[in-house]
PDB file of N, CA and C in Angstrom:
ATOM      1  N   MET A   1     -18.005   8.285 -14.558  1.00  0.00           N
ATOM      2  CA  MET A   1     -18.333   6.523 -13.596  1.00  0.00           C
ATOM      3  C   MET A   1     -17.319   5.962 -13.712  1.00  0.00           C
ATOM      4  N   VAL A   2     -17.358   4.911 -12.885  1.00  0.00           N
ATOM      5  CA  VAL A   2     -15.996   3.767 -12.296  1.00  0.00           C
ATOM      6  C   VAL A   2     -16.246   2.882 -13.205  1.00  0.00           C
ATOM      7  N   LYS A   3     -15.247   2.484 -13.150  1.00  0.00           N
ATOM      8  CA  LYS A   3     -14.312   1.731 -14.257  1.00  0.00           C
ATOM      9  C   LYS A   3     -14.320   0.556 -13.193  1.00  0.00           C
ATOM     10  N   PRO A   4     -15.253  -0.995 -13.373  1.00  0.00           N
ATOM     11  CA  PRO A   4     -14.814  -1.929 -13.234  1.00  0.00           C
ATOM     12  C   PRO A   4     -13.173  -2.430 -12.824  1.00  0.00           C
ATOM     13  N   LEU A   5     -12.900  -3.058 -11.583  1.00  0.00           N
ATOM     14  CA  LEU A   5     -11.656  -3.602 -11.418  1.00  0.00           C
ATOM     15  C   LEU A   5     -11.912  -5.361 -12.658  1.00  0.00           C
ATOM     16  N   ASP A   6     -10.743  -5.436 -12.956  1.00  0.00           N
ATOM     17  CA  ASP A   6     -10.755  -6.660 -13.141  1.00  0.00           C
ATOM     18  C   ASP A   6      -9.562  -7.989 -12.551  1.00  0.00           C
ATOM     19  N   LEU A   7      -9.834  -9.549 -12.438  1.00  0.00           N
ATOM     20  CA  LEU A   7      -9.475 -10.173 -10.871  1.00  0.00           C
ATOM     21  C   LEU A   7      -7.904  -9.328 -11.118  1.00  0.00           C
ATOM     22  N   SER A   8      -7.198  -8.768 -12.097  1.00  0.00           N
ATOM     23  CA  SER A   8      -5.739  -8.817 -11.502  1.00  0.00           C
ATOM     24  C   SER A   8      -5.879  -7.476 -10.905  1.00  0.00           C
ATOM     25  N   HIS A   9      -5.845  -6.810 -10.952  1.00  0.00           N
ATOM     26  CA  HIS A   9      -6.351  -5.576 -10.387  1.00  0.00           C
ATOM     27  C   HIS A   9      -6.792  -5.814  -9.058  1.00  0.00           C
ATOM     28  N   PHE A  10      -7.410  -6.264  -9.510  1.00  0.00           N
ATOM     29  CA  PHE A  10      -8.855  -6.389  -7.885  1.00  0.00           C
ATOM     30  C   PHE A  10      -7.737  -7.671  -7.008  1.00  0.00           C
ATOM     31  N   VAL A  11      -6.936  -8.197  -7.018  1.00  0.00           N
ATOM     32  CA  VAL A  11      -5.887  -9.529  -6.728  1.00  0.00           C
ATOM     33  C   VAL A  11      -4.577  -8.331  -5.494  1.00  0.00           C
ATOM     34  N   ILE A  12      -4.437  -7.313  -6.967  1.00  0.00           N
ATOM     35  CA  ILE A  12      -3.094  -6.000  -6.578  1.00  0.00           C
ATOM     36  C   ILE A  12      -3.736  -5.589  -5.594  1.00  0.00           C
ATOM     37  N   LYS A  13      -5.415  -5.044  -5.596  1.00  0.00           N
ATOM     38  CA  LYS A  13      -5.066  -4.148  -4.899  1.00  0.00           C
ATOM     39  C   LYS A  13      -6.025  -4.234  -3.591  1.00  0.00           C
ATOM     40  N   GLY A  14      -6.164  -5.367  -3.069  1.00  0.00           N
ATOM     41  CA  GLY A  14      -5.963  -6.372  -2.101  1.00  0.00           C
ATOM     42  C   GLY A  14      -4.988  -6.463  -1.295  1.00  0.00           C
ATOM     43  N   GLU A  15      -3.493  -6.661  -2.354  1.00  0.00           N
ATOM     44  CA  GLU A  15      -2.213  -6.660  -2.064  1.00  0.00           C
ATOM     45  C   GLU A  15      -2.097  -6.076  -1.058  1.00  0.00           C
ATOM     46  N   VAL A  16      -2.059  -4.840  -1.830  1.00  0.00           N
ATOM     47  CA  VAL A  16      -2.011  -3.585  -1.526  1.00  0.00           C
ATOM     48  C   VAL A  16      -2.270  -3.003  -0.276  1.00  0.00           C
ATOM     49  N   LEU A  17      -3.804  -3.197   0.013  1.00  0.00           N
ATOM     50  CA  LEU A  17      -3.739  -2.906   1.054  1.00  0.00           C
ATOM     51  C   LEU A  17      -3.834  -3.673   2.078  1.00  0.00           C
ATOM     52  N   SER A  18      -3.334  -4.968   2.671  1.00  0.00           N
ATOM     53  CA  SER A  18      -2.435  -6.029   3.048  1.00  0.00           C
ATOM     54  C   SER A  18      -1.319  -4.744   3.384  1.00  0.00           C
ATOM     55  N   LEU A  19      -0.802  -4.485   2.762  1.00  0.00           N
ATOM     56  CA  LEU A  19       0.780  -4.224   2.927  1.00  0.00           C
ATOM     57  C   LEU A  19       0.404  -3.090   3.397  1.00  0.00           C
ATOM     58  N   PHE A  20      -0.514  -1.773   3.408  1.00  0.00           N
ATOM     59  CA  PHE A  20      -0.797  -1.355   4.070  1.00  0.00           C
ATOM     60  C   PHE A  20      -1.077  -0.782   5.076  1.00  0.00           C
ATOM     61  N   ARG A  21      -1.716  -1.986   5.782  1.00  0.00           N
ATOM     62  CA  ARG A  21      -1.977  -2.538   6.967  1.00  0.00           C
ATOM     63  C   ARG A  21      -1.189  -3.293   7.917  1.00  0.00           C
ATOM     64  N   LYS A  22       0.036  -3.862   7.099  1.00  0.00           N
ATOM     65  CA  LYS A  22       1.193  -4.268   7.366  1.00  0.00           C
ATOM     66  C   LYS A  22       2.061  -2.941   7.723  1.00  0.00           C
ATOM     67  N   ALA A  23       1.738  -1.960   7.466  1.00  0.00           N
ATOM     68  CA  ALA A  23       3.347  -1.219   7.489  1.00  0.00           C
ATOM     69  C   ALA A  23       2.262  -0.318   8.257  1.00  0.00           C
ATOM     70  N   LEU A  24       1.115  -0.225   8.924  1.00  0.00           N
ATOM     71  CA  LEU A  24       0.694   0.936   9.874  1.00  0.00           C
ATOM     72  C   LEU A  24       0.585   0.246  10.929  1.00  0.00           C
ATOM     73  N   ARG A  25       0.697  -1.565  11.082  1.00  0.00           N
ATOM     74  CA  ARG A  25       0.738  -1.772  12.282  1.00  0.00           C
ATOM     75  C   ARG A  25       2.446  -1.984  12.652  1.00  0.00           C
ATOM     76  N   VAL A  26       3.285  -2.100  12.030  1.00  0.00           N
ATOM     77  CA  VAL A  26       4.665  -1.559  12.095  1.00  0.00           C
ATOM     78  C   VAL A  26       4.818  -0.506  13.009  1.00  0.00           C
ATOM     79  N   ALA A  27       4.097   0.492  12.200  1.00  0.00           N
ATOM     80  CA  ALA A  27       4.359   2.232  13.023  1.00  0.00           C
ATOM     81  C   ALA A  27       3.261   2.325  13.608  1.00  0.00           C
ATOM     82  N   TYR A  28       2.584   1.356  14.556  1.00  0.00           N
ATOM     83  CA  TYR A  28       1.550   1.136  16.045  1.00  0.00           C
ATOM     84  C   TYR A  28       2.613   1.036  17.383  1.00  0.00           C
ATOM     85  N   ALA A  29       3.493  -0.581  16.671  1.00  0.00           N
ATOM     86  CA  ALA A  29       4.699  -0.540  17.345  1.00  0.00           C
ATOM     87  C   ALA A  29       6.090   0.074  17.536  1.00  0.00           C
ATOM     88  N   ALA A  30       5.616   1.097  16.811  1.00  0.00           N
ATOM     89  CA  ALA A  30       7.228   1.620  17.105  1.00  0.00           C
ATOM     90  C   ALA A  30       7.458   2.675  18.441  1.00  0.00           C
ATOM     91  N   PRO A  31       8.118   3.239  18.884  1.00  0.00           N
ATOM     92  CA  PRO A  31       7.731   4.422  20.181  1.00  0.00           C
ATOM     93  C   PRO A  31       7.048   5.446  19.863  1.00  0.00           C
ATOM     94  N   PRO A  32       6.344   5.401  20.946  1.00  0.00           N
ATOM     95  CA  PRO A  32       5.057   6.567  21.065  1.00  0.00           C
ATOM     96  C   PRO A  32       6.011   8.047  20.136  1.00  0.00           C
ATOM     97  N   ASP A  33       7.328   8.279  20.237  1.00  0.00           N
ATOM     98  CA  ASP A  33       7.584   9.828  20.032  1.00  0.00           C
ATOM     99  C   ASP A  33       7.444   9.506  18.341  1.00  0.00           C
ATOM    100  N   THR A  34       7.894   8.463  17.386  1.00  0.00           N
ATOM    101  CA  THR A  34       7.823   8.368  16.174  1.00  0.00           C
ATOM    102  C   THR A  34       6.672   7.497  15.439  1.00  0.00           C
ATOM    103  N   ARG A  35       5.575   7.389  16.145  1.00  0.00           N
ATOM    104  CA  ARG A  35       4.590   7.206  15.362  1.00  0.00           C
ATOM    105  C   ARG A  35       4.836   7.474  14.587  1.00  0.00           C
ATOM    106  N   ARG A  36       3.674   9.015  15.125  1.00  0.00           N
ATOM    107  CA  ARG A  36       2.326   9.667  13.860  1.00  0.00           C
ATOM    108  C   ARG A  36       3.832   9.796  12.888  1.00  0.00           C
ATOM    109  N   GLU A  37       4.675  10.576  12.857  1.00  0.00           N
ATOM    110  CA  GLU A  37       5.438  10.351  11.994  1.00  0.00           C
ATOM    111  C   GLU A  37       5.923   9.605  10.822  1.00  0.00           C
ATOM    112  N   LEU A  38       6.027   8.501  11.784  1.00  0.00           N
ATOM    113  CA  LEU A  38       5.826   6.370  10.966  1.00  0.00           C
ATOM    114  C   LEU A  38       4.253   7.007   9.997  1.00  0.00           C
ATOM    115  N   ARG A  39       3.673   7.149  10.487  1.00  0.00           N
ATOM    116  CA  ARG A  39       1.775   7.491  10.208  1.00  0.00           C
ATOM    117  C   ARG A  39       1.944   8.025   8.924  1.00  0.00           C
ATOM    118  N   VAL A  40       2.224   9.038   9.215  1.00  0.00           N
ATOM    119  CA  VAL A  40       2.278  10.535   7.433  1.00  0.00           C
ATOM    120  C   VAL A  40       3.418   9.762   6.717  1.00  0.00           C
ATOM    121  N   GLU A  41       3.856   8.859   7.116  1.00  0.00           N
ATOM    122  CA  GLU A  41       5.213   8.964   5.761  1.00  0.00           C
ATOM    123  C   GLU A  41       5.300   7.584   5.097  1.00  0.00           C
ATOM    124  N   ILE A  42       4.084   6.788   5.333  1.00  0.00           N
ATOM    125  CA  ILE A  42       3.798   5.708   5.144  1.00  0.00           C
ATOM    126  C   ILE A  42       2.179   5.792   3.880  1.00  0.00           C
ATOM    127  N   ARG A  43       1.636   6.623   4.951  1.00  0.00           N
ATOM    128  CA  ARG A  43      -0.036   7.213   3.998  1.00  0.00           C
ATOM    129  C   ARG A  43       0.369   8.307   3.316  1.00  0.00           C
ATOM    130  N   GLN A  44       1.871   8.963   3.041  1.00  0.00           N
ATOM    131  CA  GLN A  44       2.284   9.678   1.672  1.00  0.00           C
ATOM    132  C   GLN A  44       2.656   8.907  -0.014  1.00  0.00           C
ATOM    133  N   GLN A  45       4.040   7.711   0.994  1.00  0.00           N
ATOM    134  CA  GLN A  45       4.365   7.150  -0.404  1.00  0.00           C
ATOM    135  C   GLN A  45       3.350   6.600  -0.295  1.00  0.00           C
ATOM    136  N   PHE A  46       2.049   5.745  -0.359  1.00  0.00           N
ATOM    137  CA  PHE A  46       1.327   4.779  -0.420  1.00  0.00           C
ATOM    138  C   PHE A  46       0.233   5.616  -1.368  1.00  0.00           C
ATOM    139  N   GLN A  47       0.449   7.262  -1.413  1.00  0.00           N
ATOM    140  CA  GLN A  47      -0.295   8.480  -2.410  1.00  0.00           C
ATOM    141  C   GLN A  47       0.482   8.433  -3.052  1.00  0.00           C
ATOM    142  N   VAL A  48       1.641   8.391  -2.363  1.00  0.00           N
ATOM    143  CA  VAL A  48       2.701   9.347  -4.370  1.00  0.00           C
ATOM    144  C   VAL A  48       2.295   8.214  -5.444  1.00  0.00           C
ATOM    145  N   SER A  49       2.871   5.962  -4.569  1.00  0.00           N
ATOM    146  CA  SER A  49       2.056   5.258  -5.662  1.00  0.00           C
ATOM    147  C   SER A  49       1.423   4.581  -5.868  1.00  0.00           C
ATOM    148  N   ARG A  50      -0.237   5.750  -5.820  1.00  0.00           N
ATOM    149  CA  ARG A  50      -1.378   5.461  -5.740  1.00  0.00           C
ATOM    150  C   ARG A  50      -1.870   4.999  -7.343  1.00  0.00           C
ATOM    151  N   ASN A  51      -1.793   5.680  -8.184  1.00  0.00           N
ATOM    152  CA  ASN A  51      -1.499   5.782  -9.912  1.00  0.00           C
ATOM    153  C   ASN A  51      -0.638   4.783 -10.217  1.00  0.00           C
ATOM    154  N   GLN A  52       0.470   4.104 -10.031  1.00  0.00           N
ATOM    155  CA  GLN A  52       1.689   3.091 -10.930  1.00  0.00           C
ATOM    156  C   GLN A  52       1.009   2.156 -11.217  1.00  0.00           C
ATOM    157  N   ALA A  53       0.740   1.742 -12.608  1.00  0.00           N
ATOM    158  CA  ALA A  53      -0.195   0.945 -12.578  1.00  0.00           C
ATOM    159  C   ALA A  53       1.562   0.045 -13.533  1.00  0.00           C
ATOM    160  N   GLY A  54       0.993  -1.117 -14.327  1.00  0.00           N
ATOM    161  CA  GLY A  54       2.215  -1.977 -14.912  1.00  0.00           C
ATOM    162  C   GLY A  54       2.782  -3.261 -15.108  1.00  0.00           C
ATOM    163  N   ALA A  55       3.417  -3.853 -15.350  1.00  0.00           N
ATOM    164  CA  ALA A  55       4.012  -4.481 -15.174  1.00  0.00           C
ATOM    165  C   ALA A  55       5.021  -4.853 -13.937  1.00  0.00           C
ATOM    166  N   TYR A  56       5.942  -3.198 -14.331  1.00  0.00           N
ATOM    167  CA  TYR A  56       6.757  -3.560 -12.775  1.00  0.00           C
ATOM    168  C   TYR A  56       6.142  -3.925 -11.588  1.00  0.00           C
ATOM    169  N   THR A  57       4.345  -2.647 -11.447  1.00  0.00           N
ATOM    170  CA  THR A  57       4.013  -2.974  -9.940  1.00  0.00           C
ATOM    171  C   THR A  57       2.981  -4.307  -9.842  1.00  0.00           C
ATOM    172  N   ARG A  58       2.971  -4.866 -10.562  1.00  0.00           N
ATOM    173  CA  ARG A  58       2.457  -5.837 -10.225  1.00  0.00           C
ATOM    174  C   ARG A  58       2.971  -6.704  -9.768  1.00  0.00           C
ATOM    175  N   SER A  59       4.451  -7.444 -10.768  1.00  0.00           N
ATOM    176  CA  SER A  59       5.338  -8.050 -10.205  1.00  0.00           C
ATOM    177  C   SER A  59       5.524  -7.605  -8.867  1.00  0.00           C
ATOM    178  N   LEU A  60       6.032  -6.619  -8.110  1.00  0.00           N
ATOM    179  CA  LEU A  60       6.376  -6.684  -6.998  1.00  0.00           C
ATOM    180  C   LEU A  60       5.292  -6.821  -6.213  1.00  0.00           C
ATOM    181  N   PHE A  61       4.694  -6.514  -6.421  1.00  0.00           N
ATOM    182  CA  PHE A  61       3.370  -7.213  -5.732  1.00  0.00           C
ATOM    183  C   PHE A  61       3.026  -8.981  -5.587  1.00  0.00           C
ATOM    184  N   SER A  62       3.242  -9.140  -6.623  1.00  0.00           N
ATOM    185  CA  SER A  62       2.883 -10.635  -6.503  1.00  0.00           C
ATOM    186  C   SER A  62       4.262 -11.444  -5.953  1.00  0.00           C
ATOM    187  N   SER A  63       5.261 -10.714  -5.836  1.00  0.00           N
ATOM    188  CA  SER A  63       6.471 -11.401  -5.593  1.00  0.00           C
ATOM    189  C   SER A  63       6.867 -11.910  -3.837  1.00  0.00           C
ATOM    190  N   ASN A  64       5.163 -11.303  -3.462  1.00  0.00           N
ATOM    191  CA  ASN A  64       5.865 -11.943  -1.573  1.00  0.00           C
ATOM    192  C   ASN A  64       4.317 -12.889  -1.444  1.00  0.00           C
TER     193      ASN A  64
END
């Protein structure tokens, strides 16, 4: 069963999704020959960081 998100996790999730979308927009604006590589790298980095939690992660996303 999936545990519901509390308010702070909900807000952080929204900020992370916003950051992910911004990164993909930047990749789309890159030269065509590097676009795919950038998208793959962005996805990989978000997957690596996906399950990180704690004060450090919250402070990263709340500082923007």
